[in-house]
Protein backbone atom coordinates (compact mmCIF):
# COMPACT_ATOMS: atom_id res chain seq x y z
CA MET A 1 -32.56 19.39 5.79
CA SER A 2 -29.43 19.72 3.70
CA CYS A 3 -27.97 16.99 1.38
CA ARG A 4 -24.26 16.14 1.52
CA ASN A 5 -22.38 14.46 -1.25
CA THR A 6 -19.17 12.56 -0.83
CA ARG A 7 -16.74 10.64 -3.18
CA LYS A 8 -14.55 7.75 -2.25
CA LEU A 9 -12.15 5.91 -4.68
CA PHE A 10 -11.01 2.32 -4.18
CA ARG A 11 -8.78 0.20 -6.41
CA THR A 12 -7.75 -3.45 -6.38
CA LEU A 13 -6.64 -6.37 -8.42
CA VAL A 14 -9.55 -8.82 -9.05
CA TYR A 15 -9.29 -12.51 -9.90
CA THR A 16 -12.06 -14.81 -11.25
CA PRO A 17 -12.53 -18.28 -9.89
CA ARG A 18 -10.66 -20.84 -12.17
CA ASP A 19 -13.44 -23.32 -13.00
CA ALA A 20 -16.79 -24.63 -12.12
CA SER A 21 -15.43 -26.45 -9.05
CA GLU A 22 -14.60 -23.07 -7.44
CA SER A 23 -17.75 -21.18 -8.64
CA THR A 24 -20.29 -21.37 -11.46
CA GLY A 25 -21.74 -18.04 -11.04
CA TRP A 26 -21.18 -14.32 -10.09
CA VAL A 27 -18.77 -13.70 -7.23
CA PHE A 28 -18.96 -10.53 -5.29
CA ILE A 29 -15.58 -8.77 -4.65
CA PRO A 30 -15.90 -5.91 -1.98
CA LEU A 31 -13.96 -2.77 -3.08
CA GLY A 32 -13.62 -0.64 0.07
CA PRO A 33 -14.71 -0.71 3.71
CA PRO A 34 -18.26 -1.17 5.01
CA MET A 35 -20.18 2.26 5.27
CA ARG A 36 -22.95 3.06 7.72
CA THR A 37 -26.43 3.30 6.21
CA SER A 38 -27.84 5.47 8.97
CA ASP A 39 -27.11 8.75 7.23
CA LEU A 40 -26.68 7.35 3.72
CA THR A 41 -29.64 7.79 1.39
CA HIS A 42 -28.41 7.14 -2.11
CA ALA A 43 -25.18 5.91 -3.93
CA ARG A 44 -23.78 5.89 -7.46
CA VAL A 45 -20.88 3.64 -8.34
CA GLN A 46 -18.58 4.36 -11.31
CA ILE A 47 -16.26 1.49 -12.38
CA GLU A 48 -12.87 1.67 -14.21
CA LEU A 49 -11.60 -1.59 -15.64
CA SER A 50 -7.99 -1.97 -16.81
CA SER A 51 -5.41 -4.72 -17.53
CA LEU A 52 -8.19 -6.87 -18.83
CA PRO A 53 -7.31 -10.28 -20.44
CA ALA A 54 -8.03 -10.48 -24.19
CA GLY A 55 -11.36 -11.85 -25.54
CA ALA A 56 -13.86 -10.46 -22.90
CA VAL A 57 -13.33 -13.57 -20.67
CA MET A 58 -14.26 -11.56 -17.60
CA LYS A 59 -17.63 -9.85 -17.00
CA PHE A 60 -18.34 -7.28 -14.36
CA ARG A 61 -21.34 -5.77 -12.83
CA ARG A 62 -21.81 -2.98 -10.14
CA ALA A 63 -22.96 -4.50 -6.87
CA ARG A 64 -23.46 -3.90 -3.15
CA ARG A 65 -24.26 -6.06 -0.12
CA LEU A 66 -26.00 -5.22 3.08
CA SER A 67 -25.43 -6.30 6.73
CA GLN A 68 -26.92 -5.71 10.12
CA ASP A 69 -23.53 -6.03 11.99
CA ALA A 70 -20.75 -5.70 9.30
CA VAL A 71 -19.78 -9.24 10.00
CA THR A 72 -22.52 -11.40 8.52
CA TRP A 73 -23.52 -10.14 4.95
CA ALA A 74 -26.62 -10.80 2.71
CA SER A 75 -25.94 -11.90 -0.90
CA ALA A 76 -24.80 -9.19 -3.11
CA VAL A 77 -27.38 -7.24 -5.18
CA GLN A 78 -26.45 -6.07 -8.65
CA TYR A 79 -27.36 -2.56 -9.65
CA ASP A 80 -28.41 -3.74 -13.13
CA ALA A 81 -27.88 -6.56 -15.60
CA VAL A 82 -25.29 -4.77 -17.81
CA ASN A 83 -22.20 -6.77 -18.38
CA LEU A 84 -19.03 -4.57 -18.33
CA THR A 85 -16.30 -6.20 -20.44
CA THR A 86 -14.22 -3.39 -21.93
CA ALA A 87 -11.33 -1.31 -20.36
CA GLY A 88 -12.12 2.27 -19.33
CA TRP A 89 -14.56 4.07 -17.17
CA HIS A 90 -18.23 2.83 -17.08
CA TRP A 91 -20.49 5.60 -15.77
CA GLU A 92 -23.74 5.34 -14.02
CA ASP A 93 -26.16 8.41 -14.39
CA ALA A 94 -28.52 7.88 -11.63
CA PHE A 95 -28.17 7.59 -7.93
CA THR A 96 -29.70 4.42 -6.36
CA GLU A 97 -31.45 4.40 -2.94
CA VAL A 98 -29.59 2.47 -0.27
CA ASP A 99 -31.88 0.05 1.60
CA SER A 100 -31.47 0.39 5.33
CA SER A 101 -34.71 -1.48 6.12
CA GLY A 102 -34.77 -4.75 8.02
CA GLY A 103 -32.02 -3.62 10.41
CA ASN A 104 -29.48 -3.24 7.70
CA ARG A 105 -26.99 -0.85 9.24
CA TRP A 106 -24.02 -1.39 6.84
CA VAL A 107 -23.56 -1.44 3.07
CA GLN A 108 -20.30 -2.36 1.13
CA PHE A 109 -19.83 -1.58 -2.50
CA GLY A 110 -17.90 -3.59 -5.08
CA VAL A 111 -18.27 -5.63 -8.20
CA ASP A 112 -19.76 -8.94 -9.15
CA VAL A 113 -17.29 -10.77 -11.44
CA LEU A 114 -17.87 -13.81 -13.71
CA ASN A 115 -15.40 -15.99 -15.46
CA ALA A 116 -16.97 -16.28 -18.98
CA THR A 117 -14.67 -19.13 -20.04
CA GLY A 118 -14.96 -21.43 -17.03
CA THR A 119 -11.53 -22.84 -17.55
CA ASN A 120 -8.82 -20.45 -16.54
CA LYS A 121 -8.23 -17.98 -13.82
CA HIS A 122 -8.25 -14.37 -14.96
CA GLY A 123 -7.27 -11.12 -13.40
CA ALA A 124 -7.99 -7.40 -14.01
CA THR A 125 -7.55 -4.09 -12.18
CA VAL A 126 -10.83 -2.64 -11.00
CA GLN A 127 -11.30 0.82 -9.63
CA ILE A 128 -14.62 2.19 -8.27
CA LEU A 129 -15.69 5.57 -7.50
CA VAL A 130 -18.55 5.62 -4.89
CA GLU A 131 -20.54 8.81 -4.85
CA THR A 132 -23.06 9.02 -1.91
CA GLN A 133 -25.82 11.38 -0.85
CA SER A 134 -26.43 11.77 2.87
CA ARG A 135 -28.95 13.44 4.93
């Protein structure tokens, strides 16, 4: 069985909720379309942050969410607990297994974002490079 690698690049402008009345925690922002898990075994997500507001008022974490039908999604799962707050590329070394158990046929990659001030809405440009390994 041979292993195939693919790379996909997605870029978007991301905003945080303004205050606690909108959200008090991490908010998942999908970056790119859902992908089938049937042939997908592992993924690695690289993030580039730019146009950040001053003062590290936004925090980002790599994340993904799973679905059985690409309509109803489970809560996002963060890859790790590392807060990304500075501009530039943030590289992940290892590939992570994509869980297709429990009937999860779809995965969507993105970022979890947190408003660290809790008072003002903030925006930044986020780009992710999704590298996948397939059967």
